[in-house]
Structure formats: C-alpha cells, structure tokens
Amino acid sequence: MFKSQQSEDVGKLILRVMLGGLTVFHGVAKLGDGSALNWIGRQLSDLGLPSVLAYGVYVGEIVAPLMVLAGVYCRIGAGLMVVNMLFAVGLVHTAELLTLNEHGGYALELQAFYTFAALAVMLMGSGRFAVRPD
C-alpha cells in the first residue's frame, strides 16, 4: 500500500492531469475558431465589459491548464481556471443555474466539476510530482 503522503501526491497528480488535460482541449479548439472569440467578446460587450477581455479565454483555457498540468505555479493556474469558469457560467449558463438536464442530473454538472476541481487544486497545491511543487 502507498504511504499516506505518497498517496496524496499521486492523487493530486491525477487530479491535475485530468483537470488541465481536459480543459486545454477547450482552449485549443477556440484557437482554431475565431468566431468563438468574437462571440465571447460580444457577450462581454453586452454586459458593458471591454470585449478585449475575451482574450482571457486563452489564459483560462490554455495557459492556466498547462500550468496546472506541469505543476508550475499550480495554485495560480488553478485560480485562473476558477475565474475562467465563473465567467463562462456568468456569460453563457445563468439560465441553467437551478435546472436539471433531461436525465435528472444538474444541468451545469460539467461546469461545476471543472470549477470545483480547479478550486480543489488551488487549495491543495500541486503535490510533489510537479515541475515546481508548491
């Protein structure tokens, strides 16, 4: 059986790889689709925010996940991911906040999973198996 600390570090690594690895796909998809960035910019403008903030999606969905994956300033990267997810929910999913999907599950379960996984990584840190452990 694993030693307690080693077991925790392996768990943190698994969580980091899952969170960073899955999130970075969303960012890479947006790199190849300029219309996505324009759409996000319009949503921000409609709320009275500068549309240039749309470029933050690249920070939240590419840079931050890579930080989490590598374990380099992992807590900061995870915090950026939390902010990114809060913007995503606020811009796109507010109507679904208190709804269920067609299968009876929470309509925003994926968004909640990403948000709270990032929050957990932010609170726990990278663990020992990282380029720059916290």
Protein backbone atom coordinates (compact mmCIF):
# COMPACT_ATOMS: atom_id res chain seq x y z
CA MET A 1 0.00 0.00 0.00
CA PHE A 2 1.09 3.59 -0.57
CA LYS A 3 2.48 5.71 2.20
CA SER A 4 -0.01 8.41 3.14
CA GLN A 5 1.98 11.36 1.69
CA GLN A 6 2.86 9.48 -1.49
CA SER A 7 -0.78 8.53 -1.93
CA GLU A 8 -1.83 12.19 -1.55
CA ASP A 9 0.78 13.30 -4.09
CA VAL A 10 -0.37 10.70 -6.62
CA GLY A 11 -3.99 11.81 -6.07
CA LYS A 12 -3.02 15.43 -6.66
CA LEU A 13 -1.18 14.44 -9.84
CA ILE A 14 -4.21 12.54 -11.14
CA LEU A 15 -6.48 15.49 -10.39
CA ARG A 16 -4.07 17.94 -12.07
CA VAL A 17 -3.67 15.80 -15.19
CA MET A 18 -7.43 15.29 -15.50
CA LEU A 19 -8.31 18.95 -14.93
CA GLY A 20 -5.54 20.51 -17.01
CA GLY A 21 -5.64 17.90 -19.74
CA LEU A 22 -9.37 18.11 -20.34
CA THR A 23 -9.58 21.89 -20.07
CA VAL A 24 -6.78 22.58 -22.54
CA PHE A 25 -8.82 20.87 -25.29
CA HIS A 26 -11.44 23.64 -24.95
CA GLY A 27 -8.79 26.34 -25.37
CA VAL A 28 -7.10 24.69 -28.34
CA ALA A 29 -10.48 24.36 -30.06
CA LYS A 30 -11.02 28.10 -29.60
CA LEU A 31 -7.60 28.86 -31.13
CA GLY A 32 -8.77 27.41 -34.41
CA ASP A 33 -12.18 29.10 -34.31
CA GLY A 34 -12.04 32.90 -34.41
CA SER A 35 -15.83 33.09 -34.28
CA ALA A 36 -15.77 31.73 -30.72
CA LEU A 37 -13.58 34.61 -29.55
CA ASN A 38 -15.79 37.13 -31.37
CA TRP A 39 -18.89 35.63 -29.76
CA ILE A 40 -17.32 35.85 -26.28
CA GLY A 41 -16.32 39.46 -26.99
CA ARG A 42 -19.93 40.32 -27.93
CA GLN A 43 -21.23 38.68 -24.74
CA LEU A 44 -18.81 40.76 -22.67
CA SER A 45 -19.76 43.95 -24.54
CA ASP A 46 -23.44 43.26 -23.90
CA LEU A 47 -22.62 43.31 -20.18
CA GLY A 48 -20.75 46.59 -20.50
CA LEU A 49 -17.32 44.96 -20.22
CA PRO A 50 -14.48 45.53 -22.71
CA SER A 51 -14.57 42.92 -25.46
CA VAL A 52 -10.77 42.60 -25.25
CA LEU A 53 -11.37 40.54 -22.09
CA ALA A 54 -12.37 37.73 -24.45
CA TYR A 55 -8.66 37.01 -24.91
CA GLY A 56 -8.69 35.91 -21.27
CA VAL A 57 -10.23 32.67 -22.50
CA TYR A 58 -6.78 31.75 -23.84
CA VAL A 59 -5.28 32.36 -20.41
CA GLY A 60 -8.03 30.39 -18.65
CA GLU A 61 -8.19 27.52 -21.12
CA ILE A 62 -4.62 27.16 -22.42
CA VAL A 63 -2.02 28.88 -20.24
CA ALA A 64 -3.59 28.07 -16.86
CA PRO A 65 -4.30 24.39 -17.67
CA LEU A 66 -0.71 23.96 -18.85
CA MET A 67 0.48 25.50 -15.57
CA VAL A 68 -1.70 23.01 -13.67
CA LEU A 69 -0.57 20.06 -15.81
CA ALA A 70 3.10 20.83 -15.34
CA GLY A 71 2.76 21.88 -11.74
CA VAL A 72 4.33 25.31 -12.31
CA TYR A 73 2.62 27.96 -10.17
CA CYS A 74 -0.16 25.42 -9.98
CA ARG A 75 -2.28 27.28 -7.42
CA ILE A 76 -2.24 30.44 -9.55
CA GLY A 77 -3.13 28.46 -12.68
CA ALA A 78 -6.00 26.73 -10.89
CA GLY A 79 -7.24 30.08 -9.58
CA LEU A 80 -7.25 31.45 -13.12
CA MET A 81 -9.26 28.42 -14.18
CA VAL A 82 -11.83 29.10 -11.45
CA VAL A 83 -12.21 32.70 -12.66
CA ASN A 84 -12.49 31.48 -16.25
CA MET A 85 -15.26 29.06 -15.29
CA LEU A 86 -17.14 31.73 -13.34
CA PHE A 87 -17.05 33.96 -16.43
CA ALA A 88 -18.23 31.05 -18.61
CA VAL A 89 -21.17 30.35 -16.32
CA GLY A 90 -21.98 34.04 -16.00
CA LEU A 91 -21.84 34.71 -19.75
CA VAL A 92 -23.50 31.58 -21.07
CA HIS A 93 -25.20 29.46 -18.44
CA THR A 94 -27.01 31.67 -15.91
CA ALA A 95 -30.41 30.46 -17.12
CA GLU A 96 -29.37 26.90 -16.26
CA LEU A 97 -28.06 27.57 -12.75
CA LEU A 98 -31.04 25.97 -10.99
CA THR A 99 -32.14 23.46 -13.61
CA LEU A 100 -31.84 19.76 -14.27
CA ASN A 101 -30.96 18.12 -17.56
CA GLU A 102 -33.15 15.60 -19.41
CA HIS A 103 -31.65 12.75 -17.36
CA GLY A 104 -32.39 14.38 -13.99
CA GLY A 105 -28.81 15.50 -13.37
CA TYR A 106 -27.68 19.04 -12.69
CA ALA A 107 -27.66 20.99 -15.97
CA LEU A 108 -24.26 22.53 -15.20
CA GLU A 109 -22.60 19.44 -13.78
CA LEU A 110 -19.64 19.63 -16.17
CA GLN A 111 -19.07 23.31 -15.44
CA ALA A 112 -19.43 22.66 -11.70
CA PHE A 113 -16.97 19.77 -11.95
CA TYR A 114 -14.34 21.91 -13.68
CA THR A 115 -14.89 24.81 -11.28
CA PHE A 116 -14.69 22.79 -8.09
CA ALA A 117 -11.83 20.60 -9.31
CA ALA A 118 -9.87 23.78 -10.06
CA LEU A 119 -10.80 25.15 -6.63
CA ALA A 120 -9.56 21.94 -5.01
CA VAL A 121 -6.24 22.13 -6.88
CA MET A 122 -5.94 25.79 -5.91
CA LEU A 123 -6.40 24.91 -2.23
CA MET A 124 -4.26 21.74 -2.19
CA GLY A 125 -1.44 22.74 -4.49
CA SER A 126 0.50 20.63 -6.94
CA GLY A 127 1.87 17.91 -4.71
CA ARG A 128 5.36 16.53 -5.01
CA PHE A 129 5.08 15.31 -8.61
CA ALA A 130 5.38 18.69 -10.29
CA VAL A 131 7.99 20.72 -12.13
CA ARG A 132 7.80 23.32 -9.35
CA PRO A 133 5.99 21.80 -6.34
CA ASP A 134 4.21 24.22 -4.01
